[in-house]
Amino acid sequence: MPIVVNLDVMLARRKMSLTELSEKVGITIANMSILKSGKAKAVRFSTLEEICKVLECQPGDILEYLSEVEYRKLMRE
């Protein structure tokens, strides 16, 4: 799937742990981990909204579309 989740990048920029984010957003660490790893098949807008509030960012800072070619190159590295 050529949608890449850059949650780890935003967490690093905000100097925040995944555990801290999950507590502030109100979802389990397991579900947050699934989202962070890019294995989630969907994300609720309400969850995305809370993540953006906590991280003070835009949805585009977290989610990125890549072409199939770019995505394959990224996944090989």
PDB file of N, CA and C in Angstrom:
ATOM      1  N   MET A   1       0.850  -1.179   0.000  1.00  0.00           N
ATOM      2  CA  MET A   1       0.000   0.000   0.000  1.00  0.00           C
ATOM      3  C   MET A   1       0.890   1.234   0.000  1.00  0.00           C
ATOM      4  N   PRO A   2       0.718   2.132  -0.947  1.00  0.00           N
ATOM      5  CA  PRO A   2       1.610   3.288  -1.060  1.00  0.00           C
ATOM      6  C   PRO A   2       1.291   4.461  -0.137  1.00  0.00           C
ATOM      7  N   ILE A   3       0.550   4.232   0.942  1.00  0.00           N
ATOM      8  CA  ILE A   3       0.368   5.253   1.980  1.00  0.00           C
ATOM      9  C   ILE A   3       1.364   4.923   3.091  1.00  0.00           C
ATOM     10  N   VAL A   4       2.237   5.873   3.389  1.00  0.00           N
ATOM     11  CA  VAL A   4       3.269   5.676   4.397  1.00  0.00           C
ATOM     12  C   VAL A   4       2.896   6.490   5.634  1.00  0.00           C
ATOM     13  N   VAL A   5       3.036   5.875   6.793  1.00  0.00           N
ATOM     14  CA  VAL A   5       2.742   6.546   8.061  1.00  0.00           C
ATOM     15  C   VAL A   5       4.063   7.029   8.655  1.00  0.00           C
ATOM     16  N   ASN A   6       4.181   8.337   8.793  1.00  0.00           N
ATOM     17  CA  ASN A   6       5.401   8.959   9.324  1.00  0.00           C
ATOM     18  C   ASN A   6       5.247   9.354  10.788  1.00  0.00           C
ATOM     19  N   LEU A   7       4.522   8.553  11.530  1.00  0.00           N
ATOM     20  CA  LEU A   7       4.271   8.851  12.934  1.00  0.00           C
ATOM     21  C   LEU A   7       5.570   8.865  13.740  1.00  0.00           C
ATOM     22  N   ASP A   8       6.486   7.976  13.420  1.00  0.00           N
ATOM     23  CA  ASP A   8       7.768   7.933  14.136  1.00  0.00           C
ATOM     24  C   ASP A   8       8.558   9.224  13.946  1.00  0.00           C
ATOM     25  N   VAL A   9       8.461   9.815  12.769  1.00  0.00           N
ATOM     26  CA  VAL A   9       9.150  11.079  12.491  1.00  0.00           C
ATOM     27  C   VAL A   9       8.581  12.193  13.366  1.00  0.00           C
ATOM     28  N   MET A  10       7.239  12.271  13.423  1.00  0.00           N
ATOM     29  CA  MET A  10       6.600  13.314  14.232  1.00  0.00           C
ATOM     30  C   MET A  10       6.863  13.110  15.716  1.00  0.00           C
ATOM     31  N   LEU A  11       6.883  11.872  16.154  1.00  0.00           N
ATOM     32  CA  LEU A  11       7.194  11.602  17.565  1.00  0.00           C
ATOM     33  C   LEU A  11       8.609  12.057  17.899  1.00  0.00           C
ATOM     34  N   ALA A  12       9.543  11.795  17.018  1.00  0.00           N
ATOM     35  CA  ALA A  12      10.923  12.216  17.244  1.00  0.00           C
ATOM     36  C   ALA A  12      11.024  13.744  17.275  1.00  0.00           C
ATOM     37  N   ARG A  13      10.332  14.397  16.359  1.00  0.00           N
ATOM     38  CA  ARG A  13      10.360  15.873  16.329  1.00  0.00           C
ATOM     39  C   ARG A  13       9.782  16.475  17.605  1.00  0.00           C
ATOM     40  N   ARG A  14       8.781  15.817  18.168  1.00  0.00           N
ATOM     41  CA  ARG A  14       8.132  16.324  19.380  1.00  0.00           C
ATOM     42  C   ARG A  14       8.746  15.755  20.658  1.00  0.00           C
ATOM     43  N   LYS A  15       9.758  14.892  20.480  1.00  0.00           N
ATOM     44  CA  LYS A  15      10.425  14.254  21.623  1.00  0.00           C
ATOM     45  C   LYS A  15       9.402  13.583  22.535  1.00  0.00           C
ATOM     46  N   MET A  16       8.547  12.764  21.915  1.00  0.00           N
ATOM     47  CA  MET A  16       7.474  12.093  22.634  1.00  0.00           C
ATOM     48  C   MET A  16       7.547  10.598  22.348  1.00  0.00           C
ATOM     49  N   SER A  17       7.233   9.799  23.344  1.00  0.00           N
ATOM     50  CA  SER A  17       7.223   8.345  23.151  1.00  0.00           C
ATOM     51  C   SER A  17       5.865   7.903  22.618  1.00  0.00           C
ATOM     52  N   LEU A  18       5.849   6.731  22.034  1.00  0.00           N
ATOM     53  CA  LEU A  18       4.603   6.160  21.538  1.00  0.00           C
ATOM     54  C   LEU A  18       3.638   5.916  22.700  1.00  0.00           C
ATOM     55  N   THR A  19       4.170   5.511  23.829  1.00  0.00           N
ATOM     56  CA  THR A  19       3.346   5.281  25.022  1.00  0.00           C
ATOM     57  C   THR A  19       2.674   6.571  25.463  1.00  0.00           C
ATOM     58  N   GLU A  20       3.440   7.650  25.512  1.00  0.00           N
ATOM     59  CA  GLU A  20       2.886   8.945  25.919  1.00  0.00           C
ATOM     60  C   GLU A  20       1.801   9.400  24.947  1.00  0.00           C
ATOM     61  N   LEU A  21       2.055   9.228  23.649  1.00  0.00           N
ATOM     62  CA  LEU A  21       1.059   9.613  22.650  1.00  0.00           C
ATOM     63  C   LEU A  21      -0.214   8.794  22.804  1.00  0.00           C
ATOM     64  N   SER A  22      -0.071   7.489  22.998  1.00  0.00           N
ATOM     65  CA  SER A  22      -1.258   6.635  23.119  1.00  0.00           C
ATOM     66  C   SER A  22      -2.088   7.034  24.336  1.00  0.00           C
ATOM     67  N   GLU A  23      -1.425   7.383  25.434  1.00  0.00           N
ATOM     68  CA  GLU A  23      -2.152   7.816  26.626  1.00  0.00           C
ATOM     69  C   GLU A  23      -2.891   9.126  26.387  1.00  0.00           C
ATOM     70  N   LYS A  24      -2.237  10.075  25.720  1.00  0.00           N
ATOM     71  CA  LYS A  24      -2.857  11.377  25.470  1.00  0.00           C
ATOM     72  C   LYS A  24      -3.992  11.298  24.460  1.00  0.00           C
ATOM     73  N   VAL A  25      -3.859  10.394  23.483  1.00  0.00           N
ATOM     74  CA  VAL A  25      -4.886  10.244  22.456  1.00  0.00           C
ATOM     75  C   VAL A  25      -6.044   9.386  22.960  1.00  0.00           C
ATOM     76  N   GLY A  26      -5.733   8.442  23.854  1.00  0.00           N
ATOM     77  CA  GLY A  26      -6.762   7.591  24.416  1.00  0.00           C
ATOM     78  C   GLY A  26      -7.004   6.311  23.643  1.00  0.00           C
ATOM     79  N   ILE A  27      -5.957   5.808  22.977  1.00  0.00           N
ATOM     80  CA  ILE A  27      -6.058   4.494  22.346  1.00  0.00           C
ATOM     81  C   ILE A  27      -4.927   3.622  22.869  1.00  0.00           C
ATOM     82  N   THR A  28      -5.103   2.321  22.734  1.00  0.00           N
ATOM     83  CA  THR A  28      -4.119   1.400  23.309  1.00  0.00           C
ATOM     84  C   THR A  28      -2.774   1.518  22.611  1.00  0.00           C
ATOM     85  N   ILE A  29      -1.733   1.181  23.344  1.00  0.00           N
ATOM     86  CA  ILE A  29      -0.383   1.185  22.779  1.00  0.00           C
ATOM     87  C   ILE A  29      -0.300   0.190  21.617  1.00  0.00           C
ATOM     88  N   ALA A  30      -1.029  -0.920  21.721  1.00  0.00           N
ATOM     89  CA  ALA A  30      -1.023  -1.926  20.648  1.00  0.00           C
ATOM     90  C   ALA A  30      -1.597  -1.339  19.358  1.00  0.00           C
ATOM     91  N   ASN A  31      -2.717  -0.643  19.462  1.00  0.00           N
ATOM     92  CA  ASN A  31      -3.320  -0.031  18.270  1.00  0.00           C
ATOM     93  C   ASN A  31      -2.452   1.096  17.727  1.00  0.00           C
ATOM     94  N   MET A  32      -1.839   1.868  18.607  1.00  0.00           N
ATOM     95  CA  MET A  32      -0.951   2.939  18.158  1.00  0.00           C
ATOM     96  C   MET A  32       0.267   2.350  17.445  1.00  0.00           C
ATOM     97  N   SER A  33       0.761   1.239  17.953  1.00  0.00           N
ATOM     98  CA  SER A  33       1.904   0.559  17.344  1.00  0.00           C
ATOM     99  C   SER A  33       1.559   0.043  15.946  1.00  0.00           C
ATOM    100  N   ILE A  34       0.354  -0.494  15.793  1.00  0.00           N
ATOM    101  CA  ILE A  34      -0.102  -0.967  14.482  1.00  0.00           C
ATOM    102  C   ILE A  34      -0.161   0.195  13.500  1.00  0.00           C
ATOM    103  N   LEU A  35      -0.659   1.319  13.956  1.00  0.00           N
ATOM    104  CA  LEU A  35      -0.719   2.512  13.099  1.00  0.00           C
ATOM    105  C   LEU A  35       0.685   2.980  12.736  1.00  0.00           C
ATOM    106  N   LYS A  36       1.556   3.064  13.727  1.00  0.00           N
ATOM    107  CA  LYS A  36       2.923   3.530  13.506  1.00  0.00           C
ATOM    108  C   LYS A  36       3.679   2.649  12.529  1.00  0.00           C
ATOM    109  N   SER A  37       3.455   1.351  12.603  1.00  0.00           N
ATOM    110  CA  SER A  37       4.172   0.414  11.737  1.00  0.00           C
ATOM    111  C   SER A  37       3.659   0.419  10.303  1.00  0.00           C
ATOM    112  N   GLY A  38       2.527   1.079  10.071  1.00  0.00           N
ATOM    113  CA  GLY A  38       1.958   1.113   8.732  1.00  0.00           C
ATOM    114  C   GLY A  38       1.112  -0.105   8.411  1.00  0.00           C
ATOM    115  N   LYS A  39       0.836  -0.934   9.412  1.00  0.00           N
ATOM    116  CA  LYS A  39       0.057  -2.154   9.194  1.00  0.00           C
ATOM    117  C   LYS A  39      -1.443  -1.939   9.355  1.00  0.00           C
ATOM    118  N   ALA A  40      -1.840  -0.756   9.785  1.00  0.00           N
ATOM    119  CA  ALA A  40      -3.270  -0.463   9.946  1.00  0.00           C
ATOM    120  C   ALA A  40      -3.918  -0.357   8.567  1.00  0.00           C
ATOM    121  N   LYS A  41      -5.106  -0.897   8.456  1.00  0.00           N
ATOM    122  CA  LYS A  41      -5.858  -0.831   7.194  1.00  0.00           C
ATOM    123  C   LYS A  41      -6.727   0.418   7.126  1.00  0.00           C
ATOM    124  N   ALA A  42      -6.966   1.038   8.274  1.00  0.00           N
ATOM    125  CA  ALA A  42      -7.807   2.228   8.330  1.00  0.00           C
ATOM    126  C   ALA A  42      -7.479   3.005   9.591  1.00  0.00           C
ATOM    127  N   VAL A  43      -7.847   4.275   9.593  1.00  0.00           N
ATOM    128  CA  VAL A  43      -7.721   5.095  10.794  1.00  0.00           C
ATOM    129  C   VAL A  43      -8.954   6.008  10.844  1.00  0.00           C
ATOM    130  N   ARG A  44      -9.563   6.095  11.995  1.00  0.00           N
ATOM    131  CA  ARG A  44     -10.726   6.969  12.153  1.00  0.00           C
ATOM    132  C   ARG A  44     -10.264   8.423  12.108  1.00  0.00           C
ATOM    133  N   PHE A  45     -11.110   9.263  11.510  1.00  0.00           N
ATOM    134  CA  PHE A  45     -10.791  10.686  11.483  1.00  0.00           C
ATOM    135  C   PHE A  45     -10.694  11.243  12.894  1.00  0.00           C
ATOM    136  N   SER A  46     -11.508  10.748  13.811  1.00  0.00           N
ATOM    137  CA  SER A  46     -11.455  11.241  15.188  1.00  0.00           C
ATOM    138  C   SER A  46     -10.106  10.898  15.827  1.00  0.00           C
ATOM    139  N   THR A  47      -9.564   9.725  15.513  1.00  0.00           N
ATOM    140  CA  THR A  47      -8.244   9.342  16.027  1.00  0.00           C
ATOM    141  C   THR A  47      -7.170  10.207  15.396  1.00  0.00           C
ATOM    142  N   LEU A  48      -7.252  10.393  14.090  1.00  0.00           N
ATOM    143  CA  LEU A  48      -6.287  11.239  13.389  1.00  0.00           C
ATOM    144  C   LEU A  48      -6.329  12.666  13.928  1.00  0.00           C
ATOM    145  N   GLU A  49      -7.535  13.147  14.198  1.00  0.00           N
ATOM    146  CA  GLU A  49      -7.696  14.489  14.765  1.00  0.00           C
ATOM    147  C   GLU A  49      -6.998  14.603  16.126  1.00  0.00           C
ATOM    148  N   GLU A  50      -7.198  13.621  16.989  1.00  0.00           N
ATOM    149  CA  GLU A  50      -6.575  13.650  18.315  1.00  0.00           C
ATOM    150  C   GLU A  50      -5.045  13.574  18.205  1.00  0.00           C
ATOM    151  N   ILE A  51      -4.549  12.738  17.317  1.00  0.00           N
ATOM    152  CA  ILE A  51      -3.095  12.632  17.114  1.00  0.00           C
ATOM    153  C   ILE A  51      -2.545  13.976  16.666  1.00  0.00           C
ATOM    154  N   CYS A  52      -3.239  14.621  15.727  1.00  0.00           N
ATOM    155  CA  CYS A  52      -2.789  15.926  15.235  1.00  0.00           C
ATOM    156  C   CYS A  52      -2.845  16.992  16.334  1.00  0.00           C
ATOM    157  N   LYS A  53      -3.876  16.941  17.184  1.00  0.00           N
ATOM    158  CA  LYS A  53      -3.955  17.893  18.304  1.00  0.00           C
ATOM    159  C   LYS A  53      -2.769  17.719  19.239  1.00  0.00           C
ATOM    160  N   VAL A  54      -2.506  16.475  19.617  1.00  0.00           N
ATOM    161  CA  VAL A  54      -1.437  16.198  20.580  1.00  0.00           C
ATOM    162  C   VAL A  54      -0.074  16.546  19.994  1.00  0.00           C
ATOM    163  N   LEU A  55       0.154  16.192  18.730  1.00  0.00           N
ATOM    164  CA  LEU A  55       1.463  16.430  18.106  1.00  0.00           C
ATOM    165  C   LEU A  55       1.569  17.816  17.476  1.00  0.00           C
ATOM    166  N   GLU A  56       0.449  18.569  17.495  1.00  0.00           N
ATOM    167  CA  GLU A  56       0.406  19.906  16.902  1.00  0.00           C
ATOM    168  C   GLU A  56       0.930  19.864  15.467  1.00  0.00           C
ATOM    169  N   CYS A  57       0.242  19.067  14.654  1.00  0.00           N
ATOM    170  CA  CYS A  57       0.654  18.905  13.266  1.00  0.00           C
ATOM    171  C   CYS A  57      -0.569  18.749  12.375  1.00  0.00           C
ATOM    172  N   GLN A  58      -0.336  18.606  11.100  1.00  0.00           N
ATOM    173  CA  GLN A  58      -1.383  18.393  10.112  1.00  0.00           C
ATOM    174  C   GLN A  58      -1.419  16.915   9.718  1.00  0.00           C
ATOM    175  N   PRO A  59      -2.561  16.409   9.233  1.00  0.00           N
ATOM    176  CA  PRO A  59      -2.620  15.015   8.800  1.00  0.00           C
ATOM    177  C   PRO A  59      -1.551  14.669   7.770  1.00  0.00           C
ATOM    178  N   GLY A  60      -1.229  15.611   6.903  1.00  0.00           N
ATOM    179  CA  GLY A  60      -0.197  15.390   5.887  1.00  0.00           C
ATOM    180  C   GLY A  60       1.204  15.239   6.462  1.00  0.00           C
ATOM    181  N   ASP A  61       1.386  15.649   7.713  1.00  0.00           N
ATOM    182  CA  ASP A  61       2.679  15.447   8.372  1.00  0.00           C
ATOM    183  C   ASP A  61       2.826  13.990   8.807  1.00  0.00           C
ATOM    184  N   ILE A  62       1.705  13.302   8.937  1.00  0.00           N
ATOM    185  CA  ILE A  62       1.700  11.923   9.419  1.00  0.00           C
ATOM    186  C   ILE A  62       1.527  10.922   8.282  1.00  0.00           C
ATOM    187  N   LEU A  63       0.643  11.248   7.342  1.00  0.00           N
ATOM    188  CA  LEU A  63       0.337  10.340   6.236  1.00  0.00           C
ATOM    189  C   LEU A  63       0.915  10.887   4.934  1.00  0.00           C
ATOM    190  N   GLU A  64       1.526  10.018   4.163  1.00  0.00           N
ATOM    191  CA  GLU A  64       2.159  10.428   2.912  1.00  0.00           C
ATOM    192  C   GLU A  64       1.833   9.406   1.825  1.00  0.00           C
ATOM    193  N   TYR A  65       1.446   9.896   0.657  1.00  0.00           N
ATOM    194  CA  TYR A  65       1.197   9.020  -0.485  1.00  0.00           C
ATOM    195  C   TYR A  65       2.463   8.931  -1.319  1.00  0.00           C
ATOM    196  N   LEU A  66       2.832   7.707  -1.692  1.00  0.00           N
ATOM    197  CA  LEU A  66       3.957   7.479  -2.588  1.00  0.00           C
ATOM    198  C   LEU A  66       3.472   6.698  -3.800  1.00  0.00           C
ATOM    199  N   SER A  67       4.112   6.924  -4.932  1.00  0.00           N
ATOM    200  CA  SER A  67       3.799   6.104  -6.105  1.00  0.00           C
ATOM    201  C   SER A  67       4.244   4.674  -5.817  1.00  0.00           C
ATOM    202  N   GLU A  68       3.760   3.739  -6.596  1.00  0.00           N
ATOM    203  CA  GLU A  68       4.141   2.330  -6.412  1.00  0.00           C
ATOM    204  C   GLU A  68       5.657   2.162  -6.494  1.00  0.00           C
ATOM    205  N   VAL A  69       6.290   2.853  -7.423  1.00  0.00           N
ATOM    206  CA  VAL A  69       7.746   2.747  -7.606  1.00  0.00           C
ATOM    207  C   VAL A  69       8.477   3.287  -6.379  1.00  0.00           C
ATOM    208  N   GLU A  70       8.066   4.468  -5.906  1.00  0.00           N
ATOM    209  CA  GLU A  70       8.693   5.049  -4.714  1.00  0.00           C
ATOM    210  C   GLU A  70       8.490   4.157  -3.494  1.00  0.00           C
ATOM    211  N   TYR A  71       7.284   3.609  -3.377  1.00  0.00           N
ATOM    212  CA  TYR A  71       6.961   2.754  -2.236  1.00  0.00           C
ATOM    213  C   TYR A  71       7.823   1.496  -2.240  1.00  0.00           C
ATOM    214  N   ARG A  72       7.962   0.863  -3.403  1.00  0.00           N
ATOM    215  CA  ARG A  72       8.799  -0.342  -3.490  1.00  0.00           C
ATOM    216  C   ARG A  72      10.251  -0.035  -3.138  1.00  0.00           C
ATOM    217  N   LYS A  73      10.753   1.102  -3.615  1.00  0.00           N
ATOM    218  CA  LYS A  73      12.129   1.499  -3.282  1.00  0.00           C
ATOM    219  C   LYS A  73      12.280   1.695  -1.785  1.00  0.00           C
ATOM    220  N   LEU A  74      11.325   2.338  -1.160  1.00  0.00           N
ATOM    221  CA  LEU A  74      11.373   2.582   0.282  1.00  0.00           C
ATOM    222  C   LEU A  74      11.332   1.282   1.064  1.00  0.00           C
ATOM    223  N   MET A  75      10.507   0.355   0.651  1.00  0.00           N
ATOM    224  CA  MET A  75      10.354  -0.901   1.379  1.00  0.00           C
ATOM    225  C   MET A  75      11.557  -1.828   1.207  1.00  0.00           C
ATOM    226  N   ARG A  76      12.336  -1.637   0.170  1.00  0.00           N
ATOM    227  CA  ARG A  76      13.548  -2.451  -0.027  1.00  0.00           C
ATOM    228  C   ARG A  76      14.675  -1.980   0.864  1.00  0.00           C
ATOM    229  N   GLU A  77      14.655  -0.705   1.192  1.00  0.00           N
ATOM    230  CA  GLU A  77      15.760  -0.148   1.992  1.00  0.00           C
ATOM    231  C   GLU A  77      15.591  -0.443   3.451  1.00  0.00           C
TER     232      GLU A  77
END
